[in-house]
């Protein structure tokens, strides 16, 4: 990925960068990589510093705005790695959700049986679950987890003409009909929600 780390990184930052890179799945051969998992609380604070509840480190990072993710977090991550991390576009997100070149036609990401792949209204107990591949839900053929349900995922594509951005995949309070591989909703750039998180991509520039 052309990793060129800035000097003066903490051990925690180095470990977080290692984890982020190890968990990237190739979506388009030689062109696009995406996080296997929703970006976690531990990864966020591992890069940005600050105190957090260690018990929550594997939970998706939520309650952050589109602006904070793009203008603060991703800028910091790019500056310390020299890699252009970004949010996926909706096209990239849905391409990955459908298994890329594998062209999955499942209703949900990875299967037609929602309970096999998603935390949603009927099985989530009203809360987000750790995004670490250890929770009993299946990935799709690209080894991407929790794209249906758990938390909705911010994309770097406008939703409409009103200035909203797009969130995809639905969340743990969504009915099954809203956690499909093509579920989209709008989200204000300054909004924060405990049900909205994100995953990141690397594009070959």
N, C-alpha and C. Protein backbone atom coordinates (compact mmCIF):
# COMPACT_ATOMS: atom_id res chain seq x y z
N UNK A 1 0.82 -1.22 0.00
CA UNK A 1 0.00 0.00 0.00
C UNK A 1 0.85 1.27 0.00
N UNK A 2 2.17 1.14 -0.10
CA UNK A 2 3.01 2.33 -0.07
C UNK A 2 3.10 2.93 1.31
N UNK A 3 3.13 2.10 2.33
CA UNK A 3 3.17 2.57 3.71
C UNK A 3 4.45 3.34 3.97
N UNK A 4 4.30 4.56 4.45
CA UNK A 4 5.45 5.39 4.80
C UNK A 4 5.09 6.10 6.09
N UNK A 5 5.40 5.46 7.21
CA UNK A 5 4.95 5.96 8.50
C UNK A 5 5.68 7.23 8.90
N UNK A 6 4.95 8.16 9.47
CA UNK A 6 5.59 9.35 10.00
C UNK A 6 6.36 8.98 11.27
N UNK A 7 7.40 9.74 11.60
CA UNK A 7 8.14 9.46 12.84
C UNK A 7 7.29 9.82 14.06
N UNK A 8 7.74 9.42 15.20
CA UNK A 8 7.11 9.79 16.48
C UNK A 8 5.74 9.16 16.71
N UNK A 9 5.47 8.04 16.06
CA UNK A 9 4.22 7.35 16.34
C UNK A 9 4.33 6.59 17.65
N UNK A 10 3.23 6.50 18.37
CA UNK A 10 3.21 5.69 19.58
C UNK A 10 3.08 4.22 19.20
N UNK A 11 3.41 3.35 20.16
CA UNK A 11 3.26 1.91 19.93
C UNK A 11 1.81 1.58 19.64
N UNK A 12 0.89 2.25 20.32
CA UNK A 12 -0.53 2.01 20.11
C UNK A 12 -0.94 2.38 18.68
N UNK A 13 -0.43 3.50 18.19
CA UNK A 13 -0.73 3.89 16.80
C UNK A 13 -0.17 2.88 15.81
N UNK A 14 1.05 2.42 16.05
CA UNK A 14 1.65 1.41 15.17
C UNK A 14 0.82 0.13 15.14
N UNK A 15 0.42 -0.33 16.32
CA UNK A 15 -0.40 -1.54 16.41
C UNK A 15 -1.74 -1.35 15.72
N UNK A 16 -2.34 -0.18 15.88
CA UNK A 16 -3.64 0.10 15.26
C UNK A 16 -3.53 0.10 13.75
N UNK A 17 -2.45 0.70 13.23
CA UNK A 17 -2.24 0.71 11.78
C UNK A 17 -2.06 -0.71 11.26
N UNK A 18 -1.28 -1.51 11.97
CA UNK A 18 -1.10 -2.92 11.59
C UNK A 18 -2.44 -3.64 11.50
N UNK A 19 -3.27 -3.45 12.53
CA UNK A 19 -4.58 -4.11 12.56
C UNK A 19 -5.46 -3.65 11.41
N UNK A 20 -5.48 -2.36 11.16
CA UNK A 20 -6.29 -1.80 10.07
C UNK A 20 -5.87 -2.43 8.74
N UNK A 21 -4.56 -2.49 8.48
CA UNK A 21 -4.08 -3.01 7.20
C UNK A 21 -4.30 -4.51 7.07
N UNK A 22 -4.13 -5.24 8.18
CA UNK A 22 -4.34 -6.70 8.15
C UNK A 22 -5.79 -7.05 7.84
N UNK A 23 -6.70 -6.17 8.20
CA UNK A 23 -8.13 -6.44 8.05
C UNK A 23 -8.73 -5.84 6.78
N UNK A 24 -7.89 -5.51 5.79
CA UNK A 24 -8.41 -5.01 4.52
C UNK A 24 -8.60 -6.18 3.56
N UNK A 25 -9.78 -6.28 2.97
CA UNK A 25 -10.07 -7.32 1.96
C UNK A 25 -10.02 -6.70 0.57
N UNK A 26 -9.45 -7.45 -0.37
CA UNK A 26 -9.39 -6.97 -1.75
C UNK A 26 -10.76 -7.09 -2.40
N UNK A 27 -11.27 -5.97 -2.88
CA UNK A 27 -12.61 -5.93 -3.48
C UNK A 27 -12.52 -5.91 -5.00
N UNK A 28 -11.65 -5.05 -5.53
CA UNK A 28 -11.34 -5.06 -6.97
C UNK A 28 -9.86 -5.37 -7.09
N UNK A 29 -9.53 -6.36 -7.88
CA UNK A 29 -8.15 -6.86 -7.94
C UNK A 29 -7.16 -5.74 -8.24
N UNK A 30 -6.25 -5.51 -7.29
CA UNK A 30 -5.21 -4.52 -7.47
C UNK A 30 -5.68 -3.09 -7.45
N UNK A 31 -6.96 -2.84 -7.15
CA UNK A 31 -7.50 -1.48 -7.25
C UNK A 31 -8.19 -0.97 -6.00
N UNK A 32 -8.91 -1.86 -5.28
CA UNK A 32 -9.74 -1.40 -4.17
C UNK A 32 -9.74 -2.43 -3.05
N UNK A 33 -9.48 -1.93 -1.84
CA UNK A 33 -9.51 -2.76 -0.64
C UNK A 33 -10.48 -2.14 0.36
N UNK A 34 -11.16 -2.96 1.13
CA UNK A 34 -12.15 -2.48 2.10
C UNK A 34 -12.00 -3.19 3.43
N UNK A 35 -12.29 -2.48 4.50
CA UNK A 35 -12.25 -3.10 5.84
C UNK A 35 -13.17 -4.30 5.90
N UNK A 36 -12.66 -5.42 6.43
CA UNK A 36 -13.51 -6.58 6.66
C UNK A 36 -14.63 -6.28 7.65
N UNK A 37 -14.30 -5.42 8.60
CA UNK A 37 -15.20 -5.16 9.73
C UNK A 37 -15.54 -3.67 9.80
N UNK A 38 -16.64 -3.37 10.44
CA UNK A 38 -16.94 -1.98 10.74
C UNK A 38 -15.84 -1.42 11.64
N UNK A 39 -15.47 -0.18 11.39
CA UNK A 39 -14.36 0.43 12.13
C UNK A 39 -14.71 0.50 13.61
N UNK A 40 -13.76 0.12 14.46
CA UNK A 40 -14.07 -0.08 15.87
C UNK A 40 -13.62 1.08 16.76
N UNK A 41 -14.20 1.09 17.94
CA UNK A 41 -13.84 2.06 18.98
C UNK A 41 -12.35 1.98 19.28
N UNK A 42 -11.82 0.76 19.42
CA UNK A 42 -10.40 0.60 19.72
C UNK A 42 -9.50 1.14 18.63
N UNK A 43 -9.89 0.95 17.37
CA UNK A 43 -9.08 1.47 16.27
C UNK A 43 -9.10 3.00 16.24
N UNK A 44 -10.26 3.57 16.45
CA UNK A 44 -10.39 5.04 16.45
C UNK A 44 -9.48 5.65 17.50
N UNK A 45 -9.61 5.19 18.75
CA UNK A 45 -8.81 5.78 19.82
C UNK A 45 -7.34 5.35 19.74
N UNK A 46 -7.09 4.21 19.10
CA UNK A 46 -5.71 3.80 18.87
C UNK A 46 -4.97 4.78 17.99
N UNK A 47 -5.68 5.35 17.04
CA UNK A 47 -5.08 6.36 16.15
C UNK A 47 -5.13 7.75 16.76
N UNK A 48 -6.28 8.12 17.33
CA UNK A 48 -6.51 9.50 17.75
C UNK A 48 -6.07 9.77 19.19
N UNK A 49 -5.88 8.68 19.98
CA UNK A 49 -5.57 8.89 21.39
C UNK A 49 -6.84 9.20 22.18
N UNK A 50 -6.69 9.34 23.48
CA UNK A 50 -7.83 9.61 24.34
C UNK A 50 -8.28 8.36 25.09
N UNK A 51 -9.08 8.58 26.09
CA UNK A 51 -9.55 7.49 26.94
C UNK A 51 -10.86 6.92 26.42
N UNK A 52 -11.03 5.63 26.58
CA UNK A 52 -12.28 4.98 26.23
C UNK A 52 -12.45 3.74 27.09
N UNK A 53 -13.64 3.18 27.07
CA UNK A 53 -13.93 1.98 27.84
C UNK A 53 -13.37 0.77 27.10
N UNK A 54 -12.40 0.11 27.69
CA UNK A 54 -11.74 -1.03 27.07
C UNK A 54 -12.73 -2.14 26.70
N UNK A 55 -13.82 -2.24 27.45
CA UNK A 55 -14.83 -3.26 27.17
C UNK A 55 -15.53 -3.03 25.83
N UNK A 56 -15.41 -1.81 25.31
CA UNK A 56 -16.10 -1.46 24.06
C UNK A 56 -15.18 -1.43 22.85
N UNK A 57 -13.94 -1.90 22.99
CA UNK A 57 -12.96 -1.69 21.93
C UNK A 57 -13.31 -2.39 20.62
N UNK A 58 -14.08 -3.50 20.69
CA UNK A 58 -14.44 -4.21 19.46
C UNK A 58 -15.79 -3.78 18.90
N UNK A 59 -16.46 -2.87 19.58
CA UNK A 59 -17.75 -2.37 19.07
C UNK A 59 -17.50 -1.38 17.94
N UNK A 60 -18.46 -1.26 17.01
CA UNK A 60 -18.30 -0.27 15.94
C UNK A 60 -18.21 1.15 16.52
N UNK A 61 -17.36 1.96 15.95
CA UNK A 61 -17.26 3.37 16.34
C UNK A 61 -18.46 4.11 15.77
N UNK A 62 -19.26 4.68 16.65
CA UNK A 62 -20.46 5.40 16.25
C UNK A 62 -20.48 6.76 16.95
N UNK A 63 -21.58 7.49 16.75
CA UNK A 63 -21.71 8.82 17.37
C UNK A 63 -20.63 9.78 16.90
N UNK A 64 -20.15 9.59 15.68
CA UNK A 64 -19.23 10.56 15.07
C UNK A 64 -19.85 11.02 13.75
N UNK A 65 -19.65 12.27 13.43
CA UNK A 65 -20.27 12.84 12.23
C UNK A 65 -19.45 12.56 10.98
N UNK A 66 -20.09 12.73 9.84
CA UNK A 66 -19.39 12.62 8.56
C UNK A 66 -18.19 13.57 8.55
N UNK A 67 -18.40 14.79 9.03
CA UNK A 67 -17.32 15.77 9.05
C UNK A 67 -16.15 15.35 9.92
N UNK A 68 -16.44 14.80 11.10
CA UNK A 68 -15.37 14.34 11.99
C UNK A 68 -14.59 13.20 11.37
N UNK A 69 -15.30 12.28 10.73
CA UNK A 69 -14.62 11.14 10.10
C UNK A 69 -13.71 11.63 8.98
N UNK A 70 -14.23 12.48 8.11
CA UNK A 70 -13.48 12.87 6.91
C UNK A 70 -12.43 13.94 7.19
N UNK A 71 -12.80 14.96 7.97
CA UNK A 71 -11.91 16.12 8.14
C UNK A 71 -10.90 15.92 9.27
N UNK A 72 -11.23 15.08 10.23
CA UNK A 72 -10.33 14.91 11.38
C UNK A 72 -9.67 13.53 11.36
N UNK A 73 -10.49 12.49 11.45
CA UNK A 73 -9.92 11.15 11.58
C UNK A 73 -9.16 10.70 10.34
N UNK A 74 -9.81 10.73 9.17
CA UNK A 74 -9.15 10.23 7.96
C UNK A 74 -7.95 11.08 7.60
N UNK A 75 -8.02 12.39 7.83
CA UNK A 75 -6.86 13.24 7.59
C UNK A 75 -5.68 12.80 8.46
N UNK A 76 -5.95 12.51 9.73
CA UNK A 76 -4.89 12.06 10.64
C UNK A 76 -4.30 10.73 10.17
N UNK A 77 -5.19 9.81 9.78
CA UNK A 77 -4.73 8.49 9.35
C UNK A 77 -3.90 8.58 8.07
N UNK A 78 -4.31 9.44 7.16
CA UNK A 78 -3.52 9.63 5.92
C UNK A 78 -2.16 10.24 6.22
N UNK A 79 -2.16 11.21 7.13
CA UNK A 79 -0.90 11.91 7.42
C UNK A 79 0.12 11.00 8.08
N UNK A 80 -0.32 10.06 8.92
CA UNK A 80 0.65 9.22 9.62
C UNK A 80 1.02 7.95 8.85
N UNK A 81 0.27 7.64 7.78
CA UNK A 81 0.57 6.42 7.01
C UNK A 81 1.01 6.69 5.57
N UNK A 82 0.71 7.88 5.06
CA UNK A 82 0.93 8.20 3.65
C UNK A 82 0.09 7.29 2.73
N UNK A 83 -1.02 6.79 3.26
CA UNK A 83 -1.97 6.00 2.46
C UNK A 83 -3.28 6.76 2.41
N UNK A 84 -3.89 6.80 1.22
CA UNK A 84 -5.13 7.58 1.09
C UNK A 84 -6.34 6.72 1.48
N UNK A 85 -6.56 6.62 2.79
CA UNK A 85 -7.78 5.97 3.29
C UNK A 85 -8.97 6.88 3.03
N UNK A 86 -10.13 6.28 2.80
CA UNK A 86 -11.33 7.07 2.51
C UNK A 86 -12.56 6.27 2.92
N UNK A 87 -13.69 6.94 2.95
CA UNK A 87 -14.97 6.23 3.02
C UNK A 87 -15.27 5.68 1.63
N UNK A 88 -15.98 4.55 1.54
CA UNK A 88 -16.36 4.06 0.21
C UNK A 88 -17.46 4.93 -0.40
N UNK A 89 -17.51 4.96 -1.72
CA UNK A 89 -18.70 5.51 -2.38
C UNK A 89 -19.81 4.47 -2.27
N UNK A 90 -21.03 4.88 -2.54
CA UNK A 90 -22.14 3.93 -2.53
C UNK A 90 -21.92 2.83 -3.56
N UNK A 91 -21.40 3.20 -4.73
CA UNK A 91 -21.14 2.21 -5.78
C UNK A 91 -20.13 1.17 -5.29
N UNK A 92 -19.07 1.64 -4.63
CA UNK A 92 -18.05 0.72 -4.10
C UNK A 92 -18.64 -0.15 -2.99
N UNK A 93 -19.43 0.46 -2.12
CA UNK A 93 -20.03 -0.27 -1.00
C UNK A 93 -20.93 -1.39 -1.54
N UNK A 94 -21.79 -1.07 -2.49
CA UNK A 94 -22.72 -2.08 -3.01
C UNK A 94 -22.01 -3.13 -3.86
N UNK A 95 -20.97 -2.72 -4.57
CA UNK A 95 -20.17 -3.69 -5.33
C UNK A 95 -19.55 -4.71 -4.36
N UNK A 96 -18.98 -4.21 -3.27
CA UNK A 96 -18.39 -5.10 -2.26
C UNK A 96 -19.47 -5.95 -1.59
N UNK A 97 -20.61 -5.34 -1.29
CA UNK A 97 -21.70 -6.07 -0.64
C UNK A 97 -22.17 -7.25 -1.49
N UNK A 98 -22.11 -7.08 -2.80
CA UNK A 98 -22.52 -8.14 -3.72
C UNK A 98 -21.36 -9.06 -4.11
N UNK A 99 -20.27 -9.00 -3.35
CA UNK A 99 -19.17 -9.95 -3.56
C UNK A 99 -18.24 -9.60 -4.70
N UNK A 100 -18.28 -8.34 -5.15
CA UNK A 100 -17.37 -7.93 -6.23
C UNK A 100 -17.58 -8.76 -7.48
N UNK A 101 -16.49 -9.30 -8.01
CA UNK A 101 -16.57 -10.09 -9.25
C UNK A 101 -17.36 -11.38 -9.07
N UNK A 102 -17.60 -11.77 -7.82
CA UNK A 102 -18.40 -12.98 -7.57
C UNK A 102 -19.89 -12.76 -7.85
N UNK A 103 -20.27 -11.49 -7.92
CA UNK A 103 -21.65 -11.12 -8.29
C UNK A 103 -22.70 -11.90 -7.49
N UNK A 104 -22.61 -11.79 -6.19
CA UNK A 104 -23.62 -12.41 -5.33
C UNK A 104 -24.98 -11.75 -5.57
N UNK A 105 -26.01 -12.55 -5.58
CA UNK A 105 -27.36 -12.03 -5.81
C UNK A 105 -28.23 -12.16 -4.57
N UNK A 106 -27.62 -12.39 -3.42
CA UNK A 106 -28.38 -12.55 -2.17
C UNK A 106 -29.13 -11.25 -1.85
N UNK A 107 -30.25 -11.41 -1.17
CA UNK A 107 -31.02 -10.25 -0.72
C UNK A 107 -30.24 -9.46 0.33
N UNK A 108 -29.62 -10.18 1.26
CA UNK A 108 -28.79 -9.56 2.29
C UNK A 108 -27.33 -9.79 1.93
N UNK A 109 -26.43 -9.14 2.64
CA UNK A 109 -25.01 -9.26 2.28
C UNK A 109 -24.48 -10.60 2.78
N UNK A 110 -24.35 -11.55 1.86
CA UNK A 110 -23.80 -12.86 2.17
C UNK A 110 -24.78 -14.00 2.15
N UNK A 111 -26.08 -13.71 2.23
CA UNK A 111 -27.06 -14.81 2.27
C UNK A 111 -28.46 -14.26 2.08
N UNK A 112 -29.40 -15.15 1.72
CA UNK A 112 -30.81 -14.77 1.66
C UNK A 112 -31.49 -14.92 3.01
N UNK A 113 -30.82 -15.56 3.96
CA UNK A 113 -31.35 -15.73 5.31
C UNK A 113 -30.77 -14.63 6.19
N UNK A 114 -31.61 -13.67 6.54
CA UNK A 114 -31.12 -12.49 7.28
C UNK A 114 -30.47 -12.86 8.60
N UNK A 115 -30.98 -13.89 9.27
CA UNK A 115 -30.44 -14.24 10.59
C UNK A 115 -29.02 -14.81 10.51
N UNK A 116 -28.62 -15.30 9.36
CA UNK A 116 -27.26 -15.84 9.21
C UNK A 116 -26.20 -14.73 9.13
N UNK A 117 -26.61 -13.55 8.67
CA UNK A 117 -25.60 -12.53 8.36
C UNK A 117 -25.77 -11.21 9.10
N UNK A 118 -26.92 -10.97 9.71
CA UNK A 118 -27.20 -9.61 10.20
C UNK A 118 -27.69 -9.57 11.64
N UNK A 119 -27.22 -8.54 12.37
CA UNK A 119 -27.87 -8.12 13.60
C UNK A 119 -28.89 -7.06 13.22
N UNK A 120 -30.16 -7.33 13.46
CA UNK A 120 -31.23 -6.40 13.08
C UNK A 120 -32.29 -6.45 14.18
N UNK A 121 -33.40 -5.78 13.94
CA UNK A 121 -34.40 -5.57 14.98
C UNK A 121 -34.82 -6.84 15.72
N UNK A 122 -34.95 -7.94 14.99
CA UNK A 122 -35.52 -9.16 15.58
C UNK A 122 -34.52 -10.00 16.38
N UNK A 123 -33.21 -9.72 16.27
CA UNK A 123 -32.25 -10.59 16.97
C UNK A 123 -31.13 -9.85 17.70
N UNK A 124 -31.13 -8.51 17.65
CA UNK A 124 -29.97 -7.75 18.15
C UNK A 124 -30.04 -7.43 19.63
N UNK A 125 -31.19 -7.63 20.25
CA UNK A 125 -31.39 -7.22 21.65
C UNK A 125 -31.23 -5.71 21.80
N UNK A 126 -31.51 -4.98 20.71
CA UNK A 126 -31.50 -3.52 20.76
C UNK A 126 -30.15 -2.87 20.94
N UNK A 127 -29.08 -3.55 20.49
CA UNK A 127 -27.74 -2.98 20.67
C UNK A 127 -26.81 -3.44 19.56
N UNK A 128 -25.73 -2.67 19.37
CA UNK A 128 -24.68 -3.07 18.43
C UNK A 128 -23.87 -4.21 19.02
N UNK A 129 -23.32 -5.03 18.16
CA UNK A 129 -22.48 -6.15 18.58
C UNK A 129 -21.06 -5.93 18.09
N UNK A 130 -20.07 -6.54 18.76
CA UNK A 130 -18.69 -6.39 18.31
C UNK A 130 -18.53 -6.74 16.82
N UNK A 131 -17.76 -5.93 16.13
CA UNK A 131 -17.53 -6.19 14.71
C UNK A 131 -16.13 -6.79 14.58
N UNK A 132 -16.07 -8.11 14.81
CA UNK A 132 -14.77 -8.78 14.84
C UNK A 132 -14.79 -10.16 14.20
N UNK A 133 -15.93 -10.52 13.59
CA UNK A 133 -16.02 -11.83 12.94
C UNK A 133 -16.20 -12.98 13.90
N UNK A 134 -16.36 -12.68 15.20
CA UNK A 134 -16.44 -13.73 16.21
C UNK A 134 -17.84 -13.88 16.79
N UNK A 135 -18.83 -13.25 16.16
CA UNK A 135 -20.16 -13.19 16.78
C UNK A 135 -21.18 -14.16 16.20
N UNK A 136 -20.70 -15.07 15.34
CA UNK A 136 -21.60 -16.09 14.82
C UNK A 136 -22.33 -15.71 13.54
N UNK A 137 -22.06 -14.53 13.01
CA UNK A 137 -22.66 -14.13 11.74
C UNK A 137 -21.68 -14.41 10.59
N UNK A 138 -22.24 -14.80 9.44
CA UNK A 138 -21.40 -15.16 8.30
C UNK A 138 -21.01 -13.94 7.48
N UNK A 139 -19.80 -13.95 6.88
CA UNK A 139 -19.42 -12.89 5.94
C UNK A 139 -19.92 -13.23 4.54
N UNK A 140 -19.70 -12.29 3.62
CA UNK A 140 -19.96 -12.63 2.21
C UNK A 140 -18.71 -13.27 1.61
N UNK A 141 -18.71 -13.47 0.31
CA UNK A 141 -17.59 -14.19 -0.32
C UNK A 141 -16.28 -13.40 -0.30
N UNK A 142 -16.34 -12.09 -0.03
CA UNK A 142 -15.12 -11.29 0.09
C UNK A 142 -14.65 -11.21 1.54
N UNK A 143 -15.30 -11.99 2.41
CA UNK A 143 -14.94 -12.01 3.83
C UNK A 143 -15.26 -10.69 4.53
N UNK A 144 -16.32 -10.04 4.09
CA UNK A 144 -16.77 -8.79 4.71
C UNK A 144 -17.93 -9.10 5.64
N UNK A 145 -17.82 -8.62 6.88
CA UNK A 145 -18.81 -8.90 7.92
C UNK A 145 -19.68 -7.68 8.20
N UNK A 146 -20.90 -7.96 8.63
CA UNK A 146 -21.81 -6.93 9.19
C UNK A 146 -22.18 -5.82 8.22
N UNK A 147 -22.10 -6.08 6.91
CA UNK A 147 -22.55 -5.04 5.99
C UNK A 147 -24.07 -4.93 6.00
N UNK A 148 -24.75 -6.02 6.27
CA UNK A 148 -26.18 -5.96 6.58
C UNK A 148 -26.33 -5.84 8.09
N UNK A 149 -27.01 -4.80 8.53
CA UNK A 149 -27.30 -4.66 9.95
C UNK A 149 -26.11 -4.24 10.80
N UNK A 150 -26.24 -4.47 12.09
CA UNK A 150 -25.34 -4.03 13.16
C UNK A 150 -25.36 -2.51 13.25
N UNK A 151 -24.51 -1.79 12.51
CA UNK A 151 -24.71 -0.34 12.42
C UNK A 151 -24.75 0.05 10.94
N UNK A 152 -25.52 1.10 10.66
CA UNK A 152 -25.53 1.64 9.31
C UNK A 152 -24.16 2.23 9.00
N UNK A 153 -23.77 2.23 7.72
CA UNK A 153 -22.42 2.63 7.35
C UNK A 153 -22.41 3.83 6.42
N UNK A 154 -21.68 4.85 6.84
CA UNK A 154 -21.58 6.08 6.06
C UNK A 154 -20.78 5.87 4.79
N UNK A 155 -21.29 6.42 3.71
CA UNK A 155 -20.56 6.40 2.44
C UNK A 155 -20.27 7.83 1.99
N UNK A 156 -19.32 7.95 1.09
CA UNK A 156 -18.86 9.26 0.64
C UNK A 156 -19.61 9.69 -0.62
N UNK A 157 -20.92 9.45 -0.63
CA UNK A 157 -21.75 9.80 -1.79
C UNK A 157 -22.96 10.57 -1.32
N UNK A 158 -23.29 11.69 -1.99
CA UNK A 158 -24.50 12.42 -1.64
C UNK A 158 -25.74 11.54 -1.80
N UNK A 159 -26.70 11.73 -0.91
CA UNK A 159 -27.95 10.97 -0.96
C UNK A 159 -28.94 11.62 -1.92
N UNK A 160 -28.97 12.95 -1.90
CA UNK A 160 -29.90 13.69 -2.76
C UNK A 160 -29.36 15.11 -2.90
N UNK A 161 -30.21 16.00 -3.35
CA UNK A 161 -29.77 17.39 -3.60
C UNK A 161 -29.74 18.23 -2.33
N UNK A 162 -30.17 17.68 -1.21
CA UNK A 162 -30.33 18.48 0.01
C UNK A 162 -29.05 18.57 0.85
N UNK A 163 -27.99 17.92 0.42
CA UNK A 163 -26.75 17.96 1.18
C UNK A 163 -26.57 16.79 2.12
N UNK A 164 -27.54 15.88 2.15
CA UNK A 164 -27.38 14.67 2.96
C UNK A 164 -26.38 13.72 2.28
N UNK A 165 -25.69 12.93 3.11
CA UNK A 165 -24.87 11.85 2.58
C UNK A 165 -25.57 10.51 2.80
N UNK A 166 -25.05 9.46 2.19
CA UNK A 166 -25.75 8.18 2.17
C UNK A 166 -25.22 7.25 3.25
N UNK A 167 -26.15 6.59 3.96
CA UNK A 167 -25.78 5.48 4.83
C UNK A 167 -26.40 4.21 4.24
N UNK A 168 -25.65 3.13 4.33
CA UNK A 168 -26.05 1.87 3.69
C UNK A 168 -26.16 0.75 4.73
N UNK A 169 -26.98 -0.25 4.40
CA UNK A 169 -26.96 -1.52 5.10
C UNK A 169 -27.87 -1.69 6.30
N UNK A 170 -28.45 -0.58 6.79
CA UNK A 170 -29.34 -0.69 7.95
C UNK A 170 -28.58 -1.00 9.23
N UNK A 171 -29.32 -1.10 10.34
CA UNK A 171 -28.67 -1.26 11.64
C UNK A 171 -29.46 -2.19 12.56
N UNK A 172 -29.01 -2.27 13.80
CA UNK A 172 -29.57 -3.23 14.75
C UNK A 172 -31.01 -2.93 15.16
N UNK A 173 -31.50 -1.74 14.84
CA UNK A 173 -32.91 -1.43 15.11
C UNK A 173 -33.77 -1.48 13.85
N UNK A 174 -33.16 -1.83 12.72
CA UNK A 174 -33.88 -1.85 11.45
C UNK A 174 -34.66 -3.16 11.28
N UNK A 175 -35.83 -3.10 10.63
CA UNK A 175 -36.49 -4.34 10.23
C UNK A 175 -35.67 -5.02 9.13
N UNK A 176 -35.97 -6.28 8.89
CA UNK A 176 -35.21 -7.04 7.88
C UNK A 176 -35.24 -6.35 6.51
N UNK A 177 -36.35 -5.69 6.20
CA UNK A 177 -36.48 -5.04 4.89
C UNK A 177 -35.50 -3.89 4.71
N UNK A 178 -34.90 -3.39 5.80
CA UNK A 178 -33.98 -2.26 5.72
C UNK A 178 -32.52 -2.65 5.92
N UNK A 179 -32.21 -3.94 5.94
CA UNK A 179 -30.80 -4.35 6.06
C UNK A 179 -30.35 -5.13 4.83
N UNK A 180 -30.97 -4.87 3.69
CA UNK A 180 -30.60 -5.55 2.46
C UNK A 180 -29.30 -4.98 1.89
N UNK A 181 -28.80 -5.65 0.86
CA UNK A 181 -27.55 -5.22 0.22
C UNK A 181 -27.71 -3.91 -0.55
N UNK A 182 -28.95 -3.45 -0.72
CA UNK A 182 -29.18 -2.20 -1.45
C UNK A 182 -29.89 -1.15 -0.60
N UNK A 183 -29.96 -1.36 0.71
CA UNK A 183 -30.64 -0.39 1.59
C UNK A 183 -29.84 0.91 1.68
N UNK A 184 -30.53 2.02 1.45
CA UNK A 184 -29.88 3.33 1.54
C UNK A 184 -30.79 4.31 2.28
N UNK A 185 -30.18 5.22 3.03
CA UNK A 185 -30.91 6.32 3.65
C UNK A 185 -30.01 7.55 3.65
N UNK A 186 -30.59 8.71 3.94
CA UNK A 186 -29.82 9.94 4.00
C UNK A 186 -29.39 10.27 5.42
N UNK A 187 -28.28 10.99 5.54
CA UNK A 187 -27.72 11.33 6.85
C UNK A 187 -27.04 12.68 6.74
N UNK A 188 -27.38 13.61 7.63
CA UNK A 188 -26.79 14.96 7.59
C UNK A 188 -25.31 14.91 7.94
N UNK A 189 -24.52 15.81 7.34
CA UNK A 189 -23.06 15.77 7.53
C UNK A 189 -22.65 16.06 8.97
N UNK A 190 -23.49 16.80 9.72
CA UNK A 190 -23.13 17.12 11.10
C UNK A 190 -23.87 16.25 12.11
N UNK A 191 -24.66 15.29 11.62
CA UNK A 191 -25.43 14.42 12.52
C UNK A 191 -24.53 13.37 13.15
N UNK A 192 -24.91 12.94 14.37
CA UNK A 192 -24.23 11.83 15.04
C UNK A 192 -25.31 10.88 15.54
N UNK A 193 -25.04 9.59 15.45
CA UNK A 193 -26.05 8.60 15.83
C UNK A 193 -25.35 7.35 16.33
N UNK A 194 -25.86 6.80 17.41
CA UNK A 194 -25.26 5.58 17.97
C UNK A 194 -25.50 4.37 17.08
N UNK A 195 -26.34 4.52 16.05
CA UNK A 195 -26.61 3.41 15.13
C UNK A 195 -25.88 3.57 13.81
N UNK A 196 -25.04 4.60 13.68
CA UNK A 196 -24.34 4.87 12.41
C UNK A 196 -22.83 4.85 12.62
N UNK A 197 -22.16 3.98 11.87
CA UNK A 197 -20.71 3.89 11.89
C UNK A 197 -20.16 3.95 10.47
N UNK A 198 -19.06 3.25 10.24
CA UNK A 198 -18.43 3.31 8.91
C UNK A 198 -17.40 2.20 8.77
N UNK A 199 -17.00 1.94 7.54
CA UNK A 199 -15.79 1.16 7.25
C UNK A 199 -14.99 1.96 6.22
N UNK A 200 -13.73 1.61 6.04
CA UNK A 200 -12.88 2.42 5.19
C UNK A 200 -12.35 1.62 4.01
N UNK A 201 -11.90 2.35 3.00
CA UNK A 201 -11.32 1.74 1.80
C UNK A 201 -9.97 2.34 1.50
N UNK A 202 -9.19 1.59 0.73
CA UNK A 202 -7.98 2.10 0.09
C UNK A 202 -8.14 1.89 -1.40
N UNK A 203 -7.94 2.96 -2.16
CA UNK A 203 -7.98 2.85 -3.63
C UNK A 203 -6.57 2.99 -4.18
N UNK A 204 -6.27 2.24 -5.21
CA UNK A 204 -5.00 2.44 -5.91
C UNK A 204 -5.14 3.69 -6.76
N UNK A 205 -4.39 4.70 -6.45
CA UNK A 205 -4.53 5.99 -7.16
C UNK A 205 -3.66 6.02 -8.40
